[in-house]
């Protein structure tokens, strides 16, 4: 009897191990299948022509094993470091007093976010924003406090006012006429959204409007305005004159419209139509641009703008291209 019991016990253990192995094997296969599908759907979307170089770096980060969050940080660091990009980071145009002040924000798929605004002398505010998200209990640090935090985190200080930007500012000072212009030099804030391995995230970084009042902060570092991500729905990033984006919480609105079942394109159109009706239609003589990029968790994406001239870069299925976005005002 004892031998029989031992035999049955062994048989039970063996059966259990086979069942367990089968379960584990199924889970592994399912995870591998999911990974393969998600890798095929890896997408990086960003604003303006400088988004091409940013996309290249973001996708390189993904292919080297980085997360989607790593991708949107590393991607936008490229224009931050490019002195020829006059609206982001090093080489960005100063405010009317000659100070280059930067704003940046980043948001992951789980509702975590970090932001810095009105920060000087640090080339990569996007990386500082990520540290705010990961190392502090706060969302936004500004001005001297953000600079103190950056120094504590080991970021290197750098004078961000290039000779080119200084000459432009000195030329502007002769008349000191502040006026927003549509699609100036065809570039502006860089916003980026990315989907990889099922995680959708976003980032945004800028030097703000050229010759703005000292202390001005735009939409880029404000969660829900310049950018927003929800891992269950999708992500959106905005570019253009931030005052209008701030007053309509545009990126949050786009994501909420996608939550309600709207496609990324339809969501962008509805959000831009609201800006048009509230501001542009009431004062048709004013000129300003708002551009949006949106991506949902299924991999559907869109870009749309208020007026013609907005371009976006899309990296998908091994191809990185620049596309002229449609606009609601023709």
C-alpha atoms as a PDB file:
ATOM      1  CA  UNK A   1       0.000   0.000   0.000  1.00  0.00           C
ATOM      2  CA  UNK A   2       2.786   2.336   0.892  1.00  0.00           C
ATOM      3  CA  UNK A   3       4.450   1.674  -2.465  1.00  0.00           C
ATOM      4  CA  UNK A   4       1.172   2.421  -4.217  1.00  0.00           C
ATOM      5  CA  UNK A   5       0.776   5.665  -2.296  1.00  0.00           C
ATOM      6  CA  UNK A   6       4.316   6.669  -3.149  1.00  0.00           C
ATOM      7  CA  UNK A   7       3.620   5.862  -6.796  1.00  0.00           C
ATOM      8  CA  UNK A   8       0.415   7.915  -6.829  1.00  0.00           C
ATOM      9  CA  UNK A   9       2.165  10.784  -5.060  1.00  0.00           C
ATOM     10  CA  UNK A  10       4.951  10.759  -7.625  1.00  0.00           C
ATOM     11  CA  UNK A  11       2.385  10.612 -10.392  1.00  0.00           C
ATOM     12  CA  UNK A  12       0.534  13.569  -8.850  1.00  0.00           C
ATOM     13  CA  UNK A  13       3.708  15.599  -8.600  1.00  0.00           C
ATOM     14  CA  UNK A  14       4.621  14.716 -12.142  1.00  0.00           C
ATOM     15  CA  UNK A  15       1.187  15.671 -13.406  1.00  0.00           C
ATOM     16  CA  UNK A  16       1.346  18.883 -11.436  1.00  0.00           C
ATOM     17  CA  UNK A  17       4.756  19.721 -12.835  1.00  0.00           C
ATOM     18  CA  UNK A  18       3.555  19.024 -16.355  1.00  0.00           C
ATOM     19  CA  UNK A  19       0.540  21.253 -15.782  1.00  0.00           C
ATOM     20  CA  UNK A  20       2.704  23.929 -14.205  1.00  0.00           C
ATOM     21  CA  UNK A  21       5.218  23.730 -17.011  1.00  0.00           C
ATOM     22  CA  UNK A  22       2.415  24.006 -19.512  1.00  0.00           C
ATOM     23  CA  UNK A  23       1.022  27.059 -17.706  1.00  0.00           C
ATOM     24  CA  UNK A  24       4.400  28.747 -17.479  1.00  0.00           C
ATOM     25  CA  UNK A  25       5.133  27.870 -21.080  1.00  0.00           C
ATOM     26  CA  UNK A  26       1.820  29.345 -22.182  1.00  0.00           C
ATOM     27  CA  UNK A  27       2.503  32.552 -20.241  1.00  0.00           C
ATOM     28  CA  UNK A  28       5.971  32.864 -21.730  1.00  0.00           C
ATOM     29  CA  UNK A  29       4.649  32.294 -25.240  1.00  0.00           C
ATOM     30  CA  UNK A  30       1.868  34.817 -24.640  1.00  0.00           C
ATOM     31  CA  UNK A  31       4.343  37.384 -23.337  1.00  0.00           C
ATOM     32  CA  UNK A  32       6.647  36.792 -26.296  1.00  0.00           C
ATOM     33  CA  UNK A  33       3.739  37.130 -28.703  1.00  0.00           C
ATOM     34  CA  UNK A  34       2.618  40.343 -27.026  1.00  0.00           C
ATOM     35  CA  UNK A  35       6.164  41.709 -27.129  1.00  0.00           C
ATOM     36  CA  UNK A  36       6.451  40.905 -30.825  1.00  0.00           C
ATOM     37  CA  UNK A  37       3.142  42.596 -31.618  1.00  0.00           C
ATOM     38  CA  UNK A  38       4.024  45.676 -29.587  1.00  0.00           C
ATOM     39  CA  UNK A  39       7.446  45.942 -31.159  1.00  0.00           C
ATOM     40  CA  UNK A  40       5.782  45.905 -34.555  1.00  0.00           C
ATOM     41  CA  UNK A  41       3.603  48.750 -33.318  1.00  0.00           C
ATOM     42  CA  UNK A  42       6.427  50.865 -31.873  1.00  0.00           C
ATOM     43  CA  UNK A  43       5.701  54.422 -32.963  1.00  0.00           C
ATOM     44  CA  UNK A  44       7.383  57.762 -32.319  1.00  0.00           C
ATOM     45  CA  UNK A  45       5.627  60.960 -33.319  1.00  0.00           C
ATOM     46  CA  UNK A  46       7.009  64.471 -32.877  1.00  0.00           C
ATOM     47  CA  UNK A  47       6.487  68.069 -33.929  1.00  0.00           C
ATOM     48  CA  UNK A  48       8.241  70.045 -36.673  1.00  0.00           C
ATOM     49  CA  UNK A  49      11.242  69.308 -38.862  1.00  0.00           C
ATOM     50  CA  UNK A  50      13.624  68.945 -35.921  1.00  0.00           C
ATOM     51  CA  UNK A  51      11.442  66.004 -34.934  1.00  0.00           C
ATOM     52  CA  UNK A  52      13.195  63.886 -37.578  1.00  0.00           C
ATOM     53  CA  UNK A  53      16.510  63.858 -35.719  1.00  0.00           C
ATOM     54  CA  UNK A  54      14.666  63.491 -32.415  1.00  0.00           C
ATOM     55  CA  UNK A  55      12.725  60.510 -33.765  1.00  0.00           C
ATOM     56  CA  UNK A  56      15.921  58.852 -34.953  1.00  0.00           C
ATOM     57  CA  UNK A  57      17.386  59.032 -31.461  1.00  0.00           C
ATOM     58  CA  UNK A  58      14.147  57.908 -29.830  1.00  0.00           C
ATOM     59  CA  UNK A  59      13.852  54.823 -32.032  1.00  0.00           C
ATOM     60  CA  UNK A  60      17.540  54.059 -31.592  1.00  0.00           C
ATOM     61  CA  UNK A  61      16.917  54.115 -27.836  1.00  0.00           C
ATOM     62  CA  UNK A  62      14.027  51.661 -28.230  1.00  0.00           C
ATOM     63  CA  UNK A  63      16.023  49.311 -30.473  1.00  0.00           C
ATOM     64  CA  UNK A  64      18.825  49.314 -27.901  1.00  0.00           C
ATOM     65  CA  UNK A  65      16.434  48.077 -25.225  1.00  0.00           C
ATOM     66  CA  UNK A  66      15.218  51.372 -23.801  1.00  0.00           C
ATOM     67  CA  UNK A  67      11.688  52.002 -22.638  1.00  0.00           C
ATOM     68  CA  UNK A  68       9.225  54.363 -24.293  1.00  0.00           C
ATOM     69  CA  UNK A  69       9.991  56.834 -21.485  1.00  0.00           C
ATOM     70  CA  UNK A  70      13.714  56.612 -22.234  1.00  0.00           C
ATOM     71  CA  UNK A  71      12.879  57.209 -25.892  1.00  0.00           C
ATOM     72  CA  UNK A  72      10.919  60.433 -25.408  1.00  0.00           C
ATOM     73  CA  UNK A  73      13.602  61.782 -23.083  1.00  0.00           C
ATOM     74  CA  UNK A  74      16.576  60.915 -25.268  1.00  0.00           C
ATOM     75  CA  UNK A  75      14.786  61.939 -28.442  1.00  0.00           C
ATOM     76  CA  UNK A  76      14.040  65.522 -27.467  1.00  0.00           C
ATOM     77  CA  UNK A  77      17.508  65.972 -25.997  1.00  0.00           C
ATOM     78  CA  UNK A  78      18.742  66.147 -29.608  1.00  0.00           C
ATOM     79  CA  UNK A  79      17.094  69.498 -30.468  1.00  0.00           C
ATOM     80  CA  UNK A  80      17.818  70.703 -26.932  1.00  0.00           C
ATOM     81  CA  UNK A  81      21.526  70.419 -27.756  1.00  0.00           C
ATOM     82  CA  UNK A  82      21.314  71.779 -31.314  1.00  0.00           C
ATOM     83  CA  UNK A  83      22.368  75.478 -31.483  1.00  0.00           C
ATOM     84  CA  UNK A  84      20.661  75.787 -34.860  1.00  0.00           C
ATOM     85  CA  UNK A  85      17.225  75.158 -33.365  1.00  0.00           C
ATOM     86  CA  UNK A  86      16.106  78.572 -32.168  1.00  0.00           C
ATOM     87  CA  UNK A  87      13.138  77.477 -30.081  1.00  0.00           C
ATOM     88  CA  UNK A  88      14.514  74.709 -27.874  1.00  0.00           C
ATOM     89  CA  UNK A  89      17.383  74.478 -25.388  1.00  0.00           C
ATOM     90  CA  UNK A  90      20.865  75.638 -26.389  1.00  0.00           C
ATOM     91  CA  UNK A  91      20.473  78.317 -29.049  1.00  0.00           C
ATOM     92  CA  UNK A  92      16.898  79.121 -28.064  1.00  0.00           C
ATOM     93  CA  UNK A  93      15.909  82.754 -28.421  1.00  0.00           C
ATOM     94  CA  UNK A  94      16.032  84.755 -25.202  1.00  0.00           C
ATOM     95  CA  UNK A  95      13.298  86.741 -23.496  1.00  0.00           C
ATOM     96  CA  UNK A  96      13.140  90.506 -23.979  1.00  0.00           C
ATOM     97  CA  UNK A  97      15.771  90.993 -21.250  1.00  0.00           C
ATOM     98  CA  UNK A  98      18.263  88.626 -22.901  1.00  0.00           C
ATOM     99  CA  UNK A  99      17.710  85.560 -20.686  1.00  0.00           C
ATOM    100  CA  UNK A 100      17.270  82.105 -22.234  1.00  0.00           C
ATOM    101  CA  UNK A 101      14.695  80.464 -19.985  1.00  0.00           C
ATOM    102  CA  UNK A 102      13.524  76.914 -20.627  1.00  0.00           C
ATOM    103  CA  UNK A 103      10.450  74.817 -19.884  1.00  0.00           C
ATOM    104  CA  UNK A 104      10.058  71.041 -20.180  1.00  0.00           C
ATOM    105  CA  UNK A 105       7.832  68.214 -19.006  1.00  0.00           C
ATOM    106  CA  UNK A 106       7.540  64.449 -19.279  1.00  0.00           C
ATOM    107  CA  UNK A 107       4.693  62.060 -18.443  1.00  0.00           C
ATOM    108  CA  UNK A 108       4.558  58.276 -18.345  1.00  0.00           C
ATOM    109  CA  UNK A 109       1.740  55.786 -18.894  1.00  0.00           C
ATOM    110  CA  UNK A 110       0.896  55.494 -15.196  1.00  0.00           C
ATOM    111  CA  UNK A 111       0.010  59.095 -14.363  1.00  0.00           C
ATOM    112  CA  UNK A 112       3.488  60.087 -13.174  1.00  0.00           C
ATOM    113  CA  UNK A 113       4.800  63.429 -14.401  1.00  0.00           C
ATOM    114  CA  UNK A 114       7.677  65.831 -13.884  1.00  0.00           C
ATOM    115  CA  UNK A 115       8.220  69.379 -15.064  1.00  0.00           C
ATOM    116  CA  UNK A 116      10.568  72.340 -14.830  1.00  0.00           C
ATOM    117  CA  UNK A 117       9.869  75.887 -15.935  1.00  0.00           C
ATOM    118  CA  UNK A 118      11.640  79.249 -16.056  1.00  0.00           C
ATOM    119  CA  UNK A 119      14.989  77.485 -15.667  1.00  0.00           C
ATOM    120  CA  UNK A 120      18.265  78.987 -16.917  1.00  0.00           C
ATOM    121  CA  UNK A 121      21.754  77.680 -17.688  1.00  0.00           C
ATOM    122  CA  UNK A 122      20.898  73.994 -18.103  1.00  0.00           C
ATOM    123  CA  UNK A 123      20.850  72.537 -21.601  1.00  0.00           C
ATOM    124  CA  UNK A 124      18.615  69.530 -20.937  1.00  0.00           C
ATOM    125  CA  UNK A 125      15.535  70.550 -18.956  1.00  0.00           C
ATOM    126  CA  UNK A 126      13.762  67.371 -20.126  1.00  0.00           C
ATOM    127  CA  UNK A 127      16.184  65.228 -18.120  1.00  0.00           C
ATOM    128  CA  UNK A 128      15.783  67.484 -15.101  1.00  0.00           C
ATOM    129  CA  UNK A 129      12.000  67.149 -15.459  1.00  0.00           C
ATOM    130  CA  UNK A 130      12.353  63.369 -15.407  1.00  0.00           C
ATOM    131  CA  UNK A 131      14.393  63.605 -12.208  1.00  0.00           C
ATOM    132  CA  UNK A 132      11.642  65.750 -10.681  1.00  0.00           C
ATOM    133  CA  UNK A 133       9.194  62.956 -11.524  1.00  0.00           C
ATOM    134  CA  UNK A 134      11.376  60.155 -10.185  1.00  0.00           C
ATOM    135  CA  UNK A 135      13.237  61.771  -7.281  1.00  0.00           C
ATOM    136  CA  UNK A 136      10.782  64.211  -5.680  1.00  0.00           C
ATOM    137  CA  UNK A 137       7.194  64.163  -4.362  1.00  0.00           C
ATOM    138  CA  UNK A 138       6.399  67.138  -6.637  1.00  0.00           C
ATOM    139  CA  UNK A 139       5.388  67.643 -10.254  1.00  0.00           C
ATOM    140  CA  UNK A 140       6.750  71.114 -11.075  1.00  0.00           C
ATOM    141  CA  UNK A 141       9.881  72.959  -9.983  1.00  0.00           C
ATOM    142  CA  UNK A 142      10.529  76.477 -11.249  1.00  0.00           C
ATOM    143  CA  UNK A 143      13.199  79.128 -11.502  1.00  0.00           C
ATOM    144  CA  UNK A 144      15.933  79.145  -8.882  1.00  0.00           C
ATOM    145  CA  UNK A 145      14.452  76.109  -7.146  1.00  0.00           C
ATOM    146  CA  UNK A 146      14.629  74.087 -10.344  1.00  0.00           C
ATOM    147  CA  UNK A 147      18.202  75.250 -10.899  1.00  0.00           C
ATOM    148  CA  UNK A 148      19.187  74.301  -7.358  1.00  0.00           C
ATOM    149  CA  UNK A 149      17.664  70.852  -7.860  1.00  0.00           C
ATOM    150  CA  UNK A 150      19.487  70.448 -11.177  1.00  0.00           C
ATOM    151  CA  UNK A 151      22.798  71.277  -9.525  1.00  0.00           C
ATOM    152  CA  UNK A 152      22.109  68.814  -6.711  1.00  0.00           C
ATOM    153  CA  UNK A 153      21.390  66.114  -9.295  1.00  0.00           C
ATOM    154  CA  UNK A 154      24.743  66.720 -10.989  1.00  0.00           C
ATOM    155  CA  UNK A 155      23.615  68.497 -14.162  1.00  0.00           C
ATOM    156  CA  UNK A 156      26.256  70.696 -15.790  1.00  0.00           C
ATOM    157  CA  UNK A 157      25.662  74.444 -16.085  1.00  0.00           C
ATOM    158  CA  UNK A 158      26.075  76.117 -19.454  1.00  0.00           C
ATOM    159  CA  UNK A 159      25.507  79.551 -20.953  1.00  0.00           C
ATOM    160  CA  UNK A 160      22.691  78.909 -23.431  1.00  0.00           C
ATOM    161  CA  UNK A 161      22.751  82.233 -25.294  1.00  0.00           C
ATOM    162  CA  UNK A 162      24.587  81.603 -28.574  1.00  0.00           C
ATOM    163  CA  UNK A 163      26.100  84.367 -30.673  1.00  0.00           C
ATOM    164  CA  UNK A 164      23.443  83.824 -33.321  1.00  0.00           C
ATOM    165  CA  UNK A 165      20.595  84.155 -30.820  1.00  0.00           C
ATOM    166  CA  UNK A 166      22.269  87.181 -29.219  1.00  0.00           C
ATOM    167  CA  UNK A 167      22.539  88.977 -32.576  1.00  0.00           C
ATOM    168  CA  UNK A 168      18.877  88.275 -33.338  1.00  0.00           C
ATOM    169  CA  UNK A 169      17.890  89.644 -29.935  1.00  0.00           C
ATOM    170  CA  UNK A 170      20.005  92.782 -30.348  1.00  0.00           C
ATOM    171  CA  UNK A 171      18.393  93.350 -33.734  1.00  0.00           C
ATOM    172  CA  UNK A 172      14.924  92.887 -32.227  1.00  0.00           C
ATOM    173  CA  UNK A 173      15.690  95.387 -29.426  1.00  0.00           C
ATOM    174  CA  UNK A 174      15.944  98.243 -31.937  1.00  0.00           C
ATOM    175  CA  UNK A 175      12.152  98.304 -32.190  1.00  0.00           C
ATOM    176  CA  UNK A 176      11.220  95.931 -29.353  1.00  0.00           C
ATOM    177  CA  UNK A 177       7.972  95.080 -31.101  1.00  0.00           C
ATOM    178  CA  UNK A 178       6.540  91.916 -29.585  1.00  0.00           C
ATOM    179  CA  UNK A 179       4.304  90.054 -31.998  1.00  0.00           C
ATOM    180  CA  UNK A 180       3.630  86.352 -32.440  1.00  0.00           C
ATOM    181  CA  UNK A 181       4.134  85.088 -35.975  1.00  0.00           C
ATOM    182  CA  UNK A 182       2.737  81.978 -37.601  1.00  0.00           C
ATOM    183  CA  UNK A 183       5.223  79.185 -38.329  1.00  0.00           C
ATOM    184  CA  UNK A 184       8.296  81.374 -37.838  1.00  0.00           C
ATOM    185  CA  UNK A 185      11.211  79.597 -39.552  1.00  0.00           C
ATOM    186  CA  UNK A 186       8.932  76.550 -39.570  1.00  0.00           C
ATOM    187  CA  UNK A 187       9.901  75.408 -36.110  1.00  0.00           C
ATOM    188  CA  UNK A 188       8.764  75.746 -32.535  1.00  0.00           C
ATOM    189  CA  UNK A 189       8.480  73.695 -29.353  1.00  0.00           C
ATOM    190  CA  UNK A 190       9.215  70.008 -29.778  1.00  0.00           C
ATOM    191  CA  UNK A 191       6.583  67.672 -28.400  1.00  0.00           C
ATOM    192  CA  UNK A 192       6.890  63.902 -28.690  1.00  0.00           C
ATOM    193  CA  UNK A 193       4.594  60.941 -28.086  1.00  0.00           C
ATOM    194  CA  UNK A 194       5.680  57.312 -28.251  1.00  0.00           C
ATOM    195  CA  UNK A 195       4.200  53.830 -27.965  1.00  0.00           C
ATOM    196  CA  UNK A 196       6.390  50.809 -27.257  1.00  0.00           C
ATOM    197  CA  UNK A 197       5.671  47.520 -25.516  1.00  0.00           C
ATOM    198  CA  UNK A 198       2.189  48.751 -24.705  1.00  0.00           C
ATOM    199  CA  UNK A 199       3.412  51.856 -22.851  1.00  0.00           C
ATOM    200  CA  UNK A 200       2.412  55.247 -24.213  1.00  0.00           C
ATOM    201  CA  UNK A 201       4.271  58.348 -22.996  1.00  0.00           C
ATOM    202  CA  UNK A 202       4.961  61.953 -23.929  1.00  0.00           C
ATOM    203  CA  UNK A 203       7.509  64.748 -23.515  1.00  0.00           C
ATOM    204  CA  UNK A 204       7.798  68.411 -24.402  1.00  0.00           C
ATOM    205  CA  UNK A 205      10.627  70.946 -24.237  1.00  0.00           C
ATOM    206  CA  UNK A 206      11.015  74.570 -25.342  1.00  0.00           C
ATOM    207  CA  UNK A 207      12.682  77.928 -24.849  1.00  0.00           C
ATOM    208  CA  UNK A 208       9.276  79.523 -25.218  1.00  0.00           C
ATOM    209  CA  UNK A 209       8.171  82.447 -27.316  1.00  0.00           C
ATOM    210  CA  UNK A 210      11.036  84.600 -28.524  1.00  0.00           C
ATOM    211  CA  UNK A 211      11.417  87.907 -26.655  1.00  0.00           C
ATOM    212  CA  UNK A 212       8.647  87.048 -24.190  1.00  0.00           C
ATOM    213  CA  UNK A 213       8.328  88.976 -20.924  1.00  0.00           C
ATOM    214  CA  UNK A 214      10.859  87.845 -18.349  1.00  0.00           C
ATOM    215  CA  UNK A 215       9.181  85.212 -16.205  1.00  0.00           C
ATOM    216  CA  UNK A 216       6.663  84.072 -18.803  1.00  0.00           C
ATOM    217  CA  UNK A 217       5.826  80.357 -18.737  1.00  0.00           C
ATOM    218  CA  UNK A 218       3.939  78.740 -21.588  1.00  0.00           C
ATOM    219  CA  UNK A 219       1.938  75.565 -21.966  1.00  0.00           C
ATOM    220  CA  UNK A 220       4.840  73.151 -22.488  1.00  0.00           C
ATOM    221  CA  UNK A 221       5.591  72.357 -18.815  1.00  0.00           C
ATOM    222  CA  UNK A 222       1.933  72.295 -17.771  1.00  0.00           C
ATOM    223  CA  UNK A 223       0.443  68.825 -17.516  1.00  0.00           C
ATOM    224  CA  UNK A 224      -2.821  68.744 -19.446  1.00  0.00           C
ATOM    225  CA  UNK A 225      -1.953  71.764 -21.563  1.00  0.00           C
ATOM    226  CA  UNK A 226       1.278  71.177 -23.480  1.00  0.00           C
ATOM    227  CA  UNK A 227       1.165  67.416 -23.013  1.00  0.00           C
ATOM    228  CA  UNK A 228      -0.832  64.614 -21.434  1.00  0.00           C
ATOM    229  CA  UNK A 229      -0.640  60.821 -21.347  1.00  0.00           C
ATOM    230  CA  UNK A 230      -2.953  58.124 -20.032  1.00  0.00           C
ATOM    231  CA  UNK A 231      -1.735  54.555 -20.394  1.00  0.00           C
ATOM    232  CA  UNK A 232      -5.289  53.279 -20.845  1.00  0.00           C
ATOM    233  CA  UNK A 233      -6.116  55.711 -23.648  1.00  0.00           C
ATOM    234  CA  UNK A 234      -3.324  57.579 -25.412  1.00  0.00           C
ATOM    235  CA  UNK A 235      -1.198  60.714 -25.430  1.00  0.00           C
ATOM    236  CA  UNK A 236      -1.124  64.177 -26.956  1.00  0.00           C
ATOM    237  CA  UNK A 237       1.428  66.996 -27.239  1.00  0.00           C
ATOM    238  CA  UNK A 238       0.922  70.569 -28.428  1.00  0.00           C
ATOM    239  CA  UNK A 239       3.014  73.257 -30.077  1.00  0.00           C
ATOM    240  CA  UNK A 240       2.378  76.881 -30.997  1.00  0.00           C
ATOM    241  CA  UNK A 241       1.289  79.896 -28.977  1.00  0.00           C
ATOM    242  CA  UNK A 242       0.928  78.390 -25.530  1.00  0.00           C
ATOM    243  CA  UNK A 243      -1.446  80.955 -24.082  1.00  0.00           C
ATOM    244  CA  UNK A 244      -4.318  79.497 -26.096  1.00  0.00           C
ATOM    245  CA  UNK A 245      -3.368  75.931 -25.222  1.00  0.00           C
ATOM    246  CA  UNK A 246      -3.229  76.853 -21.539  1.00  0.00           C
ATOM    247  CA  UNK A 247      -6.661  78.432 -21.604  1.00  0.00           C
ATOM    248  CA  UNK A 248      -8.242  75.349 -23.162  1.00  0.00           C
ATOM    249  CA  UNK A 249      -6.189  72.527 -21.570  1.00  0.00           C
ATOM    250  CA  UNK A 250      -5.872  71.179 -25.079  1.00  0.00           C
ATOM    251  CA  UNK A 251      -3.803  68.015 -24.599  1.00  0.00           C
ATOM    252  CA  UNK A 252      -6.000  66.773 -21.763  1.00  0.00           C
ATOM    253  CA  UNK A 253      -9.063  67.467 -23.877  1.00  0.00           C
ATOM    254  CA  UNK A 254      -7.691  65.449 -26.808  1.00  0.00           C
ATOM    255  CA  UNK A 255      -6.954  62.453 -24.584  1.00  0.00           C
ATOM    256  CA  UNK A 256     -10.383  62.658 -22.951  1.00  0.00           C
ATOM    257  CA  UNK A 257     -12.039  62.751 -26.369  1.00  0.00           C
ATOM    258  CA  UNK A 258     -10.081  59.631 -27.316  1.00  0.00           C
ATOM    259  CA  UNK A 259     -11.282  58.034 -24.069  1.00  0.00           C
ATOM    260  CA  UNK A 260     -14.830  58.683 -25.262  1.00  0.00           C
ATOM    261  CA  UNK A 261     -14.111  56.752 -28.439  1.00  0.00           C
ATOM    262  CA  UNK A 262     -12.990  59.502 -30.802  1.00  0.00           C
ATOM    263  CA  UNK A 263     -10.135  58.756 -33.175  1.00  0.00           C
ATOM    264  CA  UNK A 264      -6.913  60.741 -32.661  1.00  0.00           C
ATOM    265  CA  UNK A 265      -7.708  62.815 -35.737  1.00  0.00           C
ATOM    266  CA  UNK A 266     -11.273  63.591 -34.698  1.00  0.00           C
ATOM    267  CA  UNK A 267     -10.113  64.458 -31.169  1.00  0.00           C
ATOM    268  CA  UNK A 268      -7.534  66.917 -32.516  1.00  0.00           C
ATOM    269  CA  UNK A 269     -10.072  68.535 -34.836  1.00  0.00           C
ATOM    270  CA  UNK A 270     -12.622  69.040 -32.030  1.00  0.00           C
ATOM    271  CA  UNK A 271      -9.982  70.554 -29.719  1.00  0.00           C
ATOM    272  CA  UNK A 272      -8.683  72.915 -32.406  1.00  0.00           C
ATOM    273  CA  UNK A 273     -12.203  73.881 -33.412  1.00  0.00           C
ATOM    274  CA  UNK A 274     -12.801  74.986 -29.830  1.00  0.00           C
ATOM    275  CA  UNK A 275      -9.734  77.263 -29.951  1.00  0.00           C
ATOM    276  CA  UNK A 276     -10.836  78.639 -33.302  1.00  0.00           C
ATOM    277  CA  UNK A 277     -14.353  79.448 -32.077  1.00  0.00           C
ATOM    278  CA  UNK A 278     -13.258  80.912 -28.732  1.00  0.00           C
ATOM    279  CA  UNK A 279     -10.341  83.014 -29.951  1.00  0.00           C
ATOM    280  CA  UNK A 280      -9.618  83.141 -33.666  1.00  0.00           C
ATOM    281  CA  UNK A 281     -13.186  83.710 -34.875  1.00  0.00           C
ATOM    282  CA  UNK A 282     -13.700  86.544 -32.372  1.00  0.00           C
ATOM    283  CA  UNK A 283     -10.550  88.315 -33.544  1.00  0.00           C
ATOM    284  CA  UNK A 284      -9.786  87.197 -37.096  1.00  0.00           C
ATOM    285  CA  UNK A 285      -6.988  89.753 -37.496  1.00  0.00           C
ATOM    286  CA  UNK A 286      -4.765  87.934 -35.004  1.00  0.00           C
ATOM    287  CA  UNK A 287      -2.367  85.327 -36.310  1.00  0.00           C
ATOM    288  CA  UNK A 288      -1.206  82.316 -34.346  1.00  0.00           C
ATOM    289  CA  UNK A 289      -0.582  78.618 -34.810  1.00  0.00           C
ATOM    290  CA  UNK A 290      -1.493  75.591 -32.711  1.00  0.00           C
ATOM    291  CA  UNK A 291      -0.294  72.152 -33.784  1.00  0.00           C
ATOM    292  CA  UNK A 292      -1.256  68.851 -32.156  1.00  0.00           C
ATOM    293  CA  UNK A 293       0.054  65.305 -32.330  1.00  0.00           C
ATOM    294  CA  UNK A 294      -1.972  62.450 -30.851  1.00  0.00           C
ATOM    295  CA  UNK A 295      -1.520  58.704 -30.495  1.00  0.00           C
ATOM    296  CA  UNK A 296      -3.748  56.062 -28.933  1.00  0.00           C
ATOM    297  CA  UNK A 297      -2.851  52.742 -27.348  1.00  0.00           C
ATOM    298  CA  UNK A 298      -3.963  50.845 -30.466  1.00  0.00           C
ATOM    299  CA  UNK A 299      -1.286  52.628 -32.471  1.00  0.00           C
ATOM    300  CA  UNK A 300      -3.628  54.975 -34.340  1.00  0.00           C
ATOM    301  CA  UNK A 301      -2.125  58.450 -34.688  1.00  0.00           C
ATOM    302  CA  UNK A 302      -2.854  61.878 -36.119  1.00  0.00           C
ATOM    303  CA  UNK A 303      -1.520  65.396 -36.376  1.00  0.00           C
ATOM    304  CA  UNK A 304      -3.597  68.487 -37.064  1.00  0.00           C
ATOM    305  CA  UNK A 305      -3.147  72.235 -36.832  1.00  0.00           C
ATOM    306  CA  UNK A 306      -5.160  75.406 -36.568  1.00  0.00           C
ATOM    307  CA  UNK A 307      -3.751  77.021 -39.722  1.00  0.00           C
ATOM    308  CA  UNK A 308      -1.575  75.655 -42.554  1.00  0.00           C
ATOM    309  CA  UNK A 309       2.172  75.228 -42.121  1.00  0.00           C
ATOM    310  CA  UNK A 310       2.523  72.731 -39.284  1.00  0.00           C
ATOM    311  CA  UNK A 311       4.729  69.708 -39.952  1.00  0.00           C
ATOM    312  CA  UNK A 312       5.212  66.565 -37.912  1.00  0.00           C
ATOM    313  CA  UNK A 313       7.639  63.653 -38.027  1.00  0.00           C
ATOM    314  CA  UNK A 314       6.516  60.035 -37.721  1.00  0.00           C
ATOM    315  CA  UNK A 315       8.793  57.017 -37.225  1.00  0.00           C
ATOM    316  CA  UNK A 316       6.980  53.742 -37.777  1.00  0.00           C
ATOM    317  CA  UNK A 317       7.829  50.365 -39.329  1.00  0.00           C
ATOM    318  CA  UNK A 318      11.414  51.367 -40.044  1.00  0.00           C
ATOM    319  CA  UNK A 319      10.599  54.645 -41.770  1.00  0.00           C
ATOM    320  CA  UNK A 320      11.026  58.197 -40.452  1.00  0.00           C
ATOM    321  CA  UNK A 321       9.222  60.838 -42.521  1.00  0.00           C
ATOM    322  CA  UNK A 322       8.189  64.483 -42.307  1.00  0.00           C
ATOM    323  CA  UNK A 323       4.553  65.209 -43.173  1.00  0.00           C
ATOM    324  CA  UNK A 324       2.584  68.393 -43.745  1.00  0.00           C
ATOM    325  CA  UNK A 325      -0.352  68.296 -41.343  1.00  0.00           C
ATOM    326  CA  UNK A 326      -3.907  69.156 -42.332  1.00  0.00           C
ATOM    327  CA  UNK A 327      -5.444  72.260 -40.769  1.00  0.00           C
ATOM    328  CA  UNK A 328      -8.970  73.317 -39.855  1.00  0.00           C
ATOM    329  CA  UNK A 329      -8.411  76.766 -41.369  1.00  0.00           C
ATOM    330  CA  UNK A 330      -7.467  76.356 -45.026  1.00  0.00           C
END
